Amino acid sequence: MHRAVTIRSFAAHDVLPTVELNNANIPELNELDQPEVERLAGLSASALVAEVAGDDGQIRFAGFCWVLGPGLPYASLNYGWFSRQYSEFVYLDRIAVHADFRRYGIGRGFYAALVEQFAQSHPVLLCEVNVRPRNEPSLKFHHSIGFREVGQQDTDGGKKTVSLLELPLNQP
């Protein structure tokens, strides 16, 4: 049974659960520590958290995502690639959903909130998904909501290859 999902803005008390969830999703995400989560959430044009209410009334941290705008001091290879290709964008740096809450519509909820927030102010939402090692569920999901590949690049010293994706936002 699916429970109520709430999507809200990231808050200071979300840092530790974010570190834990992020690092539980390696290699899909690269490892982060608490200071880097605080820094990136602070740089974000939008940082969101998903919560799920349990039958017991407890609210559980279920996922997070954040997006960055152009021109930030961020040494990510993928952010750098997009920054060279686009002058105006929002970049989904990372998204993670706790394994217990997958298939609850949280990913779609995050994307719907981001599209609503940025559709009038930015032309595209950008992200990447691993193709080596292959993250087939994420690739299928992103293509199902309208993302298309605009390039590929190797990362992590050639250990990974990512598909660089864009979702047009302000369509007529």
N, C-alpha and C. Protein backbone atom coordinates (compact mmCIF):
# COMPACT_ATOMS: atom_id res chain seq x y z
N MET A 1 0.84 -1.19 0.00
CA MET A 1 0.00 0.00 0.00
C MET A 1 0.88 1.25 0.00
N HIS A 2 0.58 2.17 -0.90
CA HIS A 2 1.36 3.39 -0.98
C HIS A 2 0.84 4.40 0.03
N ARG A 3 1.76 5.02 0.68
CA ARG A 3 1.41 6.01 1.70
C ARG A 3 1.58 7.41 1.12
N ALA A 4 1.13 8.38 1.87
CA ALA A 4 1.21 9.76 1.43
C ALA A 4 2.67 10.21 1.31
N VAL A 5 3.00 10.78 0.17
CA VAL A 5 4.34 11.33 -0.08
C VAL A 5 4.24 12.84 -0.05
N THR A 6 5.15 13.46 0.67
CA THR A 6 5.25 14.92 0.71
C THR A 6 6.59 15.32 0.15
N ILE A 7 6.58 16.31 -0.73
CA ILE A 7 7.83 16.88 -1.26
C ILE A 7 7.93 18.28 -0.69
N ARG A 8 9.07 18.57 -0.07
CA ARG A 8 9.26 19.86 0.58
C ARG A 8 10.69 20.33 0.35
N SER A 9 10.96 21.56 0.76
CA SER A 9 12.31 22.12 0.65
C SER A 9 13.25 21.47 1.66
N PHE A 10 14.48 21.33 1.26
CA PHE A 10 15.56 20.79 2.09
C PHE A 10 15.77 21.70 3.29
N ALA A 11 16.01 21.10 4.46
CA ALA A 11 16.27 21.85 5.69
C ALA A 11 17.54 21.32 6.35
N ALA A 12 18.08 22.06 7.30
CA ALA A 12 19.34 21.69 7.96
C ALA A 12 19.28 20.28 8.56
N HIS A 13 18.12 19.88 9.10
CA HIS A 13 18.02 18.54 9.72
C HIS A 13 18.02 17.41 8.69
N ASP A 14 18.05 17.75 7.40
CA ASP A 14 18.09 16.74 6.34
C ASP A 14 19.51 16.35 5.95
N VAL A 15 20.51 17.04 6.47
CA VAL A 15 21.89 16.79 6.04
C VAL A 15 22.31 15.35 6.32
N LEU A 16 22.18 14.89 7.55
CA LEU A 16 22.65 13.54 7.89
C LEU A 16 21.90 12.44 7.14
N PRO A 17 20.55 12.47 7.07
CA PRO A 17 19.89 11.44 6.27
C PRO A 17 20.27 11.50 4.79
N THR A 18 20.58 12.70 4.30
CA THR A 18 21.01 12.83 2.91
C THR A 18 22.36 12.17 2.70
N VAL A 19 23.31 12.41 3.60
CA VAL A 19 24.62 11.76 3.50
C VAL A 19 24.45 10.24 3.50
N GLU A 20 23.64 9.75 4.42
CA GLU A 20 23.43 8.31 4.55
C GLU A 20 22.80 7.72 3.28
N LEU A 21 21.74 8.34 2.77
CA LEU A 21 21.08 7.83 1.58
C LEU A 21 21.98 7.97 0.36
N ASN A 22 22.66 9.10 0.22
CA ASN A 22 23.57 9.28 -0.90
C ASN A 22 24.60 8.16 -0.93
N ASN A 23 25.25 7.92 0.21
CA ASN A 23 26.35 6.96 0.25
C ASN A 23 25.89 5.51 0.19
N ALA A 24 24.60 5.28 0.40
CA ALA A 24 24.03 3.94 0.20
C ALA A 24 23.79 3.67 -1.29
N ASN A 25 23.93 4.70 -2.12
CA ASN A 25 23.66 4.58 -3.55
C ASN A 25 24.91 4.72 -4.42
N ILE A 26 26.05 4.32 -3.88
CA ILE A 26 27.28 4.26 -4.66
C ILE A 26 27.24 2.92 -5.41
N PRO A 27 27.53 2.76 -6.69
CA PRO A 27 28.23 3.69 -7.57
C PRO A 27 27.32 4.62 -8.37
N GLU A 28 25.98 4.49 -8.24
CA GLU A 28 25.10 5.38 -9.00
C GLU A 28 25.38 6.84 -8.65
N LEU A 29 25.72 7.10 -7.40
CA LEU A 29 26.12 8.44 -6.95
C LEU A 29 27.52 8.35 -6.37
N ASN A 30 28.26 9.45 -6.47
CA ASN A 30 29.57 9.45 -5.84
C ASN A 30 29.43 9.82 -4.36
N GLU A 31 30.37 9.34 -3.57
CA GLU A 31 30.33 9.53 -2.12
C GLU A 31 30.42 11.01 -1.75
N LEU A 32 29.65 11.39 -0.73
CA LEU A 32 29.69 12.75 -0.19
C LEU A 32 29.80 12.68 1.33
N ASP A 33 30.44 13.71 1.90
CA ASP A 33 30.48 13.83 3.35
C ASP A 33 29.56 14.98 3.78
N GLN A 34 29.41 15.15 5.07
CA GLN A 34 28.48 16.16 5.59
C GLN A 34 28.81 17.58 5.10
N PRO A 35 30.08 18.03 5.17
CA PRO A 35 30.36 19.39 4.70
C PRO A 35 30.02 19.60 3.22
N GLU A 36 30.24 18.57 2.39
CA GLU A 36 29.93 18.73 0.97
C GLU A 36 28.43 18.74 0.73
N VAL A 37 27.67 17.95 1.47
CA VAL A 37 26.21 18.00 1.34
C VAL A 37 25.71 19.39 1.74
N GLU A 38 26.23 19.92 2.83
CA GLU A 38 25.83 21.27 3.26
C GLU A 38 26.18 22.31 2.21
N ARG A 39 27.38 22.21 1.63
CA ARG A 39 27.83 23.16 0.61
C ARG A 39 26.95 23.08 -0.63
N LEU A 40 26.73 21.88 -1.14
CA LEU A 40 25.96 21.73 -2.37
C LEU A 40 24.49 22.10 -2.18
N ALA A 41 23.92 21.73 -1.07
CA ALA A 41 22.53 22.13 -0.80
C ALA A 41 22.43 23.65 -0.73
N GLY A 42 23.45 24.29 -0.16
CA GLY A 42 23.48 25.75 -0.08
C GLY A 42 23.64 26.42 -1.42
N LEU A 43 24.34 25.79 -2.36
CA LEU A 43 24.53 26.35 -3.71
C LEU A 43 23.32 26.14 -4.61
N SER A 44 22.45 25.24 -4.21
CA SER A 44 21.36 24.78 -5.08
C SER A 44 20.34 25.86 -5.39
N ALA A 45 19.90 25.84 -6.65
CA ALA A 45 18.76 26.66 -7.05
C ALA A 45 17.48 26.08 -6.44
N SER A 46 17.50 24.77 -6.19
CA SER A 46 16.40 24.09 -5.52
C SER A 46 16.95 22.82 -4.90
N ALA A 47 16.60 22.58 -3.65
CA ALA A 47 16.95 21.34 -2.96
C ALA A 47 15.66 20.83 -2.33
N LEU A 48 15.30 19.62 -2.68
CA LEU A 48 14.03 19.05 -2.25
C LEU A 48 14.23 17.75 -1.48
N VAL A 49 13.26 17.43 -0.63
CA VAL A 49 13.26 16.21 0.16
C VAL A 49 11.88 15.58 0.00
N ALA A 50 11.84 14.25 -0.05
CA ALA A 50 10.58 13.52 -0.03
C ALA A 50 10.44 12.83 1.31
N GLU A 51 9.25 12.89 1.86
CA GLU A 51 8.94 12.19 3.10
C GLU A 51 7.71 11.32 2.87
N VAL A 52 7.68 10.20 3.59
CA VAL A 52 6.54 9.29 3.51
C VAL A 52 6.01 9.09 4.92
N ALA A 53 4.70 9.23 5.06
CA ALA A 53 4.05 9.00 6.35
C ALA A 53 3.73 7.52 6.48
N GLY A 54 4.20 6.92 7.57
CA GLY A 54 3.95 5.50 7.82
C GLY A 54 2.59 5.28 8.47
N ASP A 55 2.18 4.01 8.53
CA ASP A 55 0.92 3.66 9.20
C ASP A 55 0.96 4.05 10.67
N ASP A 56 2.17 4.08 11.22
CA ASP A 56 2.35 4.41 12.63
C ASP A 56 2.38 5.92 12.88
N GLY A 57 2.20 6.70 11.81
CA GLY A 57 2.22 8.15 11.95
C GLY A 57 3.60 8.76 11.85
N GLN A 58 4.62 7.91 11.83
CA GLN A 58 6.00 8.42 11.72
C GLN A 58 6.25 8.94 10.31
N ILE A 59 6.98 10.04 10.23
CA ILE A 59 7.39 10.60 8.95
C ILE A 59 8.80 10.10 8.67
N ARG A 60 8.98 9.50 7.50
CA ARG A 60 10.28 8.92 7.15
C ARG A 60 10.90 9.66 5.97
N PHE A 61 12.20 9.93 6.10
CA PHE A 61 12.99 10.52 5.02
C PHE A 61 13.06 9.49 3.89
N ALA A 62 12.57 9.86 2.71
CA ALA A 62 12.46 8.89 1.62
C ALA A 62 13.33 9.21 0.42
N GLY A 63 13.81 10.44 0.31
CA GLY A 63 14.64 10.79 -0.84
C GLY A 63 14.99 12.26 -0.84
N PHE A 64 15.88 12.60 -1.75
CA PHE A 64 16.29 13.99 -1.90
C PHE A 64 16.74 14.23 -3.34
N CYS A 65 16.75 15.48 -3.72
CA CYS A 65 17.36 15.90 -4.98
C CYS A 65 17.75 17.36 -4.85
N TRP A 66 18.73 17.75 -5.68
CA TRP A 66 19.03 19.17 -5.78
C TRP A 66 19.49 19.51 -7.17
N VAL A 67 19.23 20.76 -7.55
CA VAL A 67 19.62 21.27 -8.87
C VAL A 67 20.47 22.52 -8.68
N LEU A 68 21.40 22.67 -9.62
CA LEU A 68 22.32 23.80 -9.61
C LEU A 68 22.13 24.61 -10.88
N GLY A 69 22.28 25.92 -10.76
CA GLY A 69 22.25 26.78 -11.92
C GLY A 69 23.65 26.96 -12.48
N PRO A 70 23.79 27.75 -13.54
CA PRO A 70 25.10 27.95 -14.17
C PRO A 70 26.03 28.84 -13.34
N GLY A 71 27.32 28.72 -13.62
CA GLY A 71 28.32 29.64 -13.06
C GLY A 71 28.72 29.39 -11.63
N LEU A 72 28.55 28.19 -11.12
CA LEU A 72 28.88 27.91 -9.72
C LEU A 72 30.27 27.28 -9.57
N PRO A 73 30.89 27.45 -8.40
CA PRO A 73 32.19 26.82 -8.14
C PRO A 73 32.00 25.34 -7.80
N TYR A 74 31.83 24.53 -8.83
CA TYR A 74 31.56 23.11 -8.63
C TYR A 74 32.40 22.33 -9.64
N ALA A 75 33.26 21.49 -9.14
CA ALA A 75 34.26 20.82 -9.98
C ALA A 75 33.78 19.52 -10.60
N SER A 76 32.49 19.27 -10.66
CA SER A 76 31.96 18.06 -11.29
C SER A 76 32.25 18.06 -12.79
N LEU A 77 32.76 16.92 -13.30
CA LEU A 77 33.01 16.81 -14.74
C LEU A 77 31.73 16.99 -15.55
N ASN A 78 30.63 16.43 -15.06
CA ASN A 78 29.37 16.52 -15.80
C ASN A 78 28.81 17.94 -15.77
N TYR A 79 28.87 18.59 -14.62
CA TYR A 79 28.45 19.99 -14.53
C TYR A 79 29.31 20.84 -15.47
N GLY A 80 30.60 20.55 -15.50
CA GLY A 80 31.51 21.27 -16.40
C GLY A 80 31.13 21.09 -17.86
N TRP A 81 30.80 19.86 -18.24
CA TRP A 81 30.41 19.58 -19.63
C TRP A 81 29.17 20.40 -19.99
N PHE A 82 28.16 20.35 -19.13
CA PHE A 82 26.93 21.11 -19.40
C PHE A 82 27.20 22.60 -19.42
N SER A 83 28.06 23.07 -18.53
CA SER A 83 28.38 24.51 -18.48
C SER A 83 29.04 24.99 -19.76
N ARG A 84 29.79 24.12 -20.41
CA ARG A 84 30.42 24.49 -21.69
C ARG A 84 29.44 24.46 -22.85
N GLN A 85 28.37 23.68 -22.73
CA GLN A 85 27.41 23.52 -23.82
C GLN A 85 26.21 24.47 -23.72
N TYR A 86 25.86 24.90 -22.50
CA TYR A 86 24.65 25.68 -22.26
C TYR A 86 25.01 26.91 -21.44
N SER A 87 24.40 28.03 -21.78
CA SER A 87 24.63 29.24 -20.98
C SER A 87 23.56 29.38 -19.89
N GLU A 88 22.38 28.86 -20.15
CA GLU A 88 21.27 28.97 -19.20
C GLU A 88 20.65 27.59 -19.02
N PHE A 89 20.60 27.13 -17.77
CA PHE A 89 20.11 25.79 -17.47
C PHE A 89 19.92 25.62 -15.97
N VAL A 90 19.26 24.54 -15.60
CA VAL A 90 19.33 24.01 -14.25
C VAL A 90 19.79 22.56 -14.41
N TYR A 91 20.68 22.16 -13.52
CA TYR A 91 21.34 20.86 -13.60
C TYR A 91 20.97 20.04 -12.37
N LEU A 92 20.31 18.92 -12.59
CA LEU A 92 20.00 18.01 -11.50
C LEU A 92 21.29 17.28 -11.14
N ASP A 93 21.92 17.73 -10.08
CA ASP A 93 23.20 17.15 -9.69
C ASP A 93 23.02 15.75 -9.13
N ARG A 94 21.98 15.57 -8.32
CA ARG A 94 21.74 14.23 -7.80
C ARG A 94 20.32 14.08 -7.30
N ILE A 95 19.91 12.82 -7.35
CA ILE A 95 18.59 12.43 -6.87
C ILE A 95 18.76 11.02 -6.31
N ALA A 96 18.15 10.77 -5.18
CA ALA A 96 18.18 9.43 -4.59
C ALA A 96 16.87 9.18 -3.87
N VAL A 97 16.39 7.96 -4.01
CA VAL A 97 15.17 7.53 -3.32
C VAL A 97 15.52 6.27 -2.54
N HIS A 98 15.15 6.26 -1.27
CA HIS A 98 15.41 5.11 -0.41
C HIS A 98 14.77 3.86 -1.01
N ALA A 99 15.49 2.74 -0.97
CA ALA A 99 15.00 1.48 -1.57
C ALA A 99 13.61 1.09 -1.06
N ASP A 100 13.30 1.37 0.19
CA ASP A 100 11.98 1.02 0.74
C ASP A 100 10.84 1.82 0.12
N PHE A 101 11.17 2.93 -0.55
CA PHE A 101 10.13 3.82 -1.06
C PHE A 101 10.18 3.98 -2.58
N ARG A 102 10.88 3.09 -3.24
CA ARG A 102 10.87 3.12 -4.71
C ARG A 102 9.52 2.63 -5.19
N ARG A 103 9.11 3.15 -6.34
CA ARG A 103 7.80 2.85 -6.93
C ARG A 103 6.65 3.55 -6.19
N TYR A 104 6.99 4.57 -5.42
CA TYR A 104 5.97 5.38 -4.74
C TYR A 104 5.66 6.66 -5.53
N GLY A 105 6.32 6.87 -6.66
CA GLY A 105 6.13 8.08 -7.44
C GLY A 105 6.99 9.24 -6.98
N ILE A 106 7.99 8.97 -6.16
CA ILE A 106 8.83 10.05 -5.61
C ILE A 106 9.67 10.70 -6.70
N GLY A 107 10.29 9.91 -7.57
CA GLY A 107 11.08 10.48 -8.66
C GLY A 107 10.24 11.37 -9.55
N ARG A 108 9.09 10.88 -9.94
CA ARG A 108 8.18 11.69 -10.77
C ARG A 108 7.73 12.94 -10.01
N GLY A 109 7.51 12.79 -8.71
CA GLY A 109 7.13 13.95 -7.90
C GLY A 109 8.22 15.00 -7.86
N PHE A 110 9.46 14.56 -7.70
CA PHE A 110 10.58 15.52 -7.73
C PHE A 110 10.62 16.24 -9.08
N TYR A 111 10.57 15.48 -10.17
CA TYR A 111 10.66 16.10 -11.48
C TYR A 111 9.49 17.03 -11.75
N ALA A 112 8.29 16.66 -11.34
CA ALA A 112 7.13 17.54 -11.53
C ALA A 112 7.33 18.85 -10.78
N ALA A 113 7.85 18.77 -9.55
CA ALA A 113 8.09 19.98 -8.76
C ALA A 113 9.16 20.85 -9.43
N LEU A 114 10.20 20.22 -9.95
CA LEU A 114 11.28 20.99 -10.60
C LEU A 114 10.80 21.63 -11.89
N VAL A 115 10.04 20.90 -12.69
CA VAL A 115 9.52 21.47 -13.93
C VAL A 115 8.63 22.66 -13.61
N GLU A 116 7.76 22.50 -12.62
CA GLU A 116 6.88 23.60 -12.22
C GLU A 116 7.69 24.81 -11.75
N GLN A 117 8.73 24.55 -10.97
CA GLN A 117 9.53 25.65 -10.43
C GLN A 117 10.33 26.38 -11.50
N PHE A 118 10.85 25.66 -12.49
CA PHE A 118 11.81 26.27 -13.42
C PHE A 118 11.31 26.46 -14.85
N ALA A 119 10.11 26.01 -15.17
CA ALA A 119 9.63 26.06 -16.56
C ALA A 119 9.60 27.47 -17.13
N GLN A 120 9.33 28.47 -16.32
CA GLN A 120 9.23 29.83 -16.82
C GLN A 120 10.56 30.60 -16.77
N SER A 121 11.56 30.03 -16.10
CA SER A 121 12.80 30.78 -15.91
C SER A 121 14.03 30.15 -16.56
N HIS A 122 13.96 28.89 -16.97
CA HIS A 122 15.13 28.22 -17.53
C HIS A 122 14.69 27.37 -18.73
N PRO A 123 15.53 27.31 -19.78
CA PRO A 123 15.13 26.56 -20.97
C PRO A 123 15.22 25.04 -20.84
N VAL A 124 16.16 24.54 -20.01
CA VAL A 124 16.35 23.09 -19.93
C VAL A 124 16.71 22.66 -18.51
N LEU A 125 16.32 21.42 -18.21
CA LEU A 125 16.77 20.72 -17.02
C LEU A 125 17.72 19.64 -17.52
N LEU A 126 18.90 19.58 -16.93
CA LEU A 126 19.95 18.67 -17.38
C LEU A 126 20.31 17.69 -16.28
N CYS A 127 20.75 16.50 -16.68
CA CYS A 127 21.23 15.51 -15.73
C CYS A 127 22.04 14.47 -16.48
N GLU A 128 22.60 13.52 -15.76
CA GLU A 128 23.28 12.40 -16.39
C GLU A 128 22.91 11.12 -15.68
N VAL A 129 23.04 10.02 -16.43
CA VAL A 129 22.76 8.69 -15.89
C VAL A 129 23.89 7.78 -16.36
N ASN A 130 24.33 6.89 -15.48
CA ASN A 130 25.39 5.96 -15.84
C ASN A 130 24.93 5.01 -16.95
N VAL A 131 25.80 4.87 -17.96
CA VAL A 131 25.62 3.81 -18.95
C VAL A 131 26.70 2.74 -18.77
N ARG A 132 27.76 3.07 -18.02
CA ARG A 132 28.77 2.09 -17.61
C ARG A 132 29.24 2.47 -16.23
N PRO A 133 28.92 1.72 -15.14
CA PRO A 133 27.99 0.58 -15.17
C PRO A 133 26.58 1.06 -15.51
N ARG A 134 25.86 0.22 -16.20
CA ARG A 134 24.56 0.62 -16.75
C ARG A 134 23.49 0.70 -15.65
N ASN A 135 22.82 1.84 -15.60
CA ASN A 135 21.71 2.04 -14.67
C ASN A 135 20.42 2.04 -15.51
N GLU A 136 20.02 0.85 -15.94
CA GLU A 136 18.88 0.70 -16.84
C GLU A 136 17.58 1.27 -16.27
N PRO A 137 17.24 1.01 -14.99
CA PRO A 137 15.99 1.60 -14.48
C PRO A 137 15.98 3.13 -14.58
N SER A 138 17.10 3.78 -14.27
CA SER A 138 17.15 5.24 -14.34
C SER A 138 17.09 5.72 -15.79
N LEU A 139 17.77 5.03 -16.68
CA LEU A 139 17.71 5.42 -18.11
C LEU A 139 16.28 5.33 -18.62
N LYS A 140 15.60 4.23 -18.34
CA LYS A 140 14.21 4.06 -18.79
C LYS A 140 13.31 5.14 -18.19
N PHE A 141 13.49 5.40 -16.90
CA PHE A 141 12.68 6.42 -16.22
C PHE A 141 12.87 7.78 -16.88
N HIS A 142 14.13 8.20 -17.06
CA HIS A 142 14.39 9.53 -17.63
C HIS A 142 13.84 9.66 -19.05
N HIS A 143 13.99 8.62 -19.85
CA HIS A 143 13.44 8.67 -21.21
C HIS A 143 11.91 8.72 -21.17
N SER A 144 11.31 8.05 -20.20
CA SER A 144 9.83 8.03 -20.12
C SER A 144 9.24 9.39 -19.79
N ILE A 145 10.02 10.25 -19.15
CA ILE A 145 9.47 11.58 -18.82
C ILE A 145 9.97 12.67 -19.77
N GLY A 146 10.66 12.26 -20.85
CA GLY A 146 10.98 13.22 -21.90
C GLY A 146 12.43 13.64 -22.03
N PHE A 147 13.32 13.11 -21.22
CA PHE A 147 14.74 13.44 -21.38
C PHE A 147 15.27 12.79 -22.65
N ARG A 148 16.25 13.46 -23.29
CA ARG A 148 16.92 12.86 -24.44
C ARG A 148 18.43 13.05 -24.29
N GLU A 149 19.17 12.12 -24.85
CA GLU A 149 20.62 12.18 -24.73
C GLU A 149 21.19 13.26 -25.64
N VAL A 150 22.12 14.07 -25.08
CA VAL A 150 22.80 15.10 -25.86
C VAL A 150 24.31 14.86 -25.91
N GLY A 151 24.78 13.80 -25.27
CA GLY A 151 26.20 13.45 -25.29
C GLY A 151 26.50 12.35 -24.31
N GLN A 152 27.74 11.89 -24.34
CA GLN A 152 28.24 10.92 -23.36
C GLN A 152 29.66 11.34 -22.99
N GLN A 153 30.08 10.96 -21.78
CA GLN A 153 31.48 11.17 -21.41
C GLN A 153 31.88 10.17 -20.34
N ASP A 154 33.19 9.90 -20.33
CA ASP A 154 33.77 9.03 -19.30
C ASP A 154 34.07 9.87 -18.07
N THR A 155 33.86 9.27 -16.90
CA THR A 155 34.16 9.93 -15.63
C THR A 155 34.92 8.96 -14.74
N ASP A 156 35.30 9.42 -13.56
CA ASP A 156 36.02 8.59 -12.59
C ASP A 156 37.22 7.90 -13.22
N GLY A 157 38.02 8.67 -13.96
CA GLY A 157 39.22 8.13 -14.57
C GLY A 157 38.95 7.02 -15.56
N GLY A 158 37.80 7.09 -16.23
CA GLY A 158 37.45 6.08 -17.22
C GLY A 158 36.71 4.89 -16.67
N LYS A 159 36.42 4.89 -15.37
CA LYS A 159 35.71 3.75 -14.76
C LYS A 159 34.21 3.79 -15.05
N LYS A 160 33.69 4.98 -15.33
CA LYS A 160 32.26 5.15 -15.60
C LYS A 160 32.08 5.90 -16.91
N THR A 161 30.94 5.66 -17.54
CA THR A 161 30.50 6.46 -18.69
C THR A 161 29.08 6.90 -18.38
N VAL A 162 28.81 8.17 -18.64
CA VAL A 162 27.48 8.71 -18.40
C VAL A 162 26.83 9.15 -19.70
N SER A 163 25.51 9.03 -19.72
CA SER A 163 24.69 9.61 -20.76
C SER A 163 24.26 10.98 -20.25
N LEU A 164 24.57 12.02 -21.01
CA LEU A 164 24.22 13.40 -20.64
C LEU A 164 22.86 13.71 -21.25
N LEU A 165 21.92 14.09 -20.41
CA LEU A 165 20.52 14.20 -20.80
C LEU A 165 19.97 15.61 -20.61
N GLU A 166 19.00 15.97 -21.48
CA GLU A 166 18.31 17.25 -21.33
C GLU A 166 16.81 17.04 -21.44
N LEU A 167 16.09 17.86 -20.69
CA LEU A 167 14.64 17.93 -20.75
C LEU A 167 14.28 19.39 -21.04
N PRO A 168 13.75 19.69 -22.24
CA PRO A 168 13.32 21.07 -22.52
C PRO A 168 12.21 21.48 -21.54
N LEU A 169 12.29 22.70 -21.03
CA LEU A 169 11.32 23.14 -20.03
C LEU A 169 10.26 24.08 -20.55
N ASN A 170 10.68 25.17 -21.18
CA ASN A 170 9.66 26.15 -21.56
C ASN A 170 9.23 25.92 -23.01
N GLN A 171 8.41 24.89 -23.16
CA GLN A 171 7.87 24.57 -24.48
C GLN A 171 6.54 25.27 -24.67
N PRO A 172 6.24 25.66 -25.91
CA PRO A 172 4.96 26.33 -26.17
C PRO A 172 3.78 25.44 -25.90
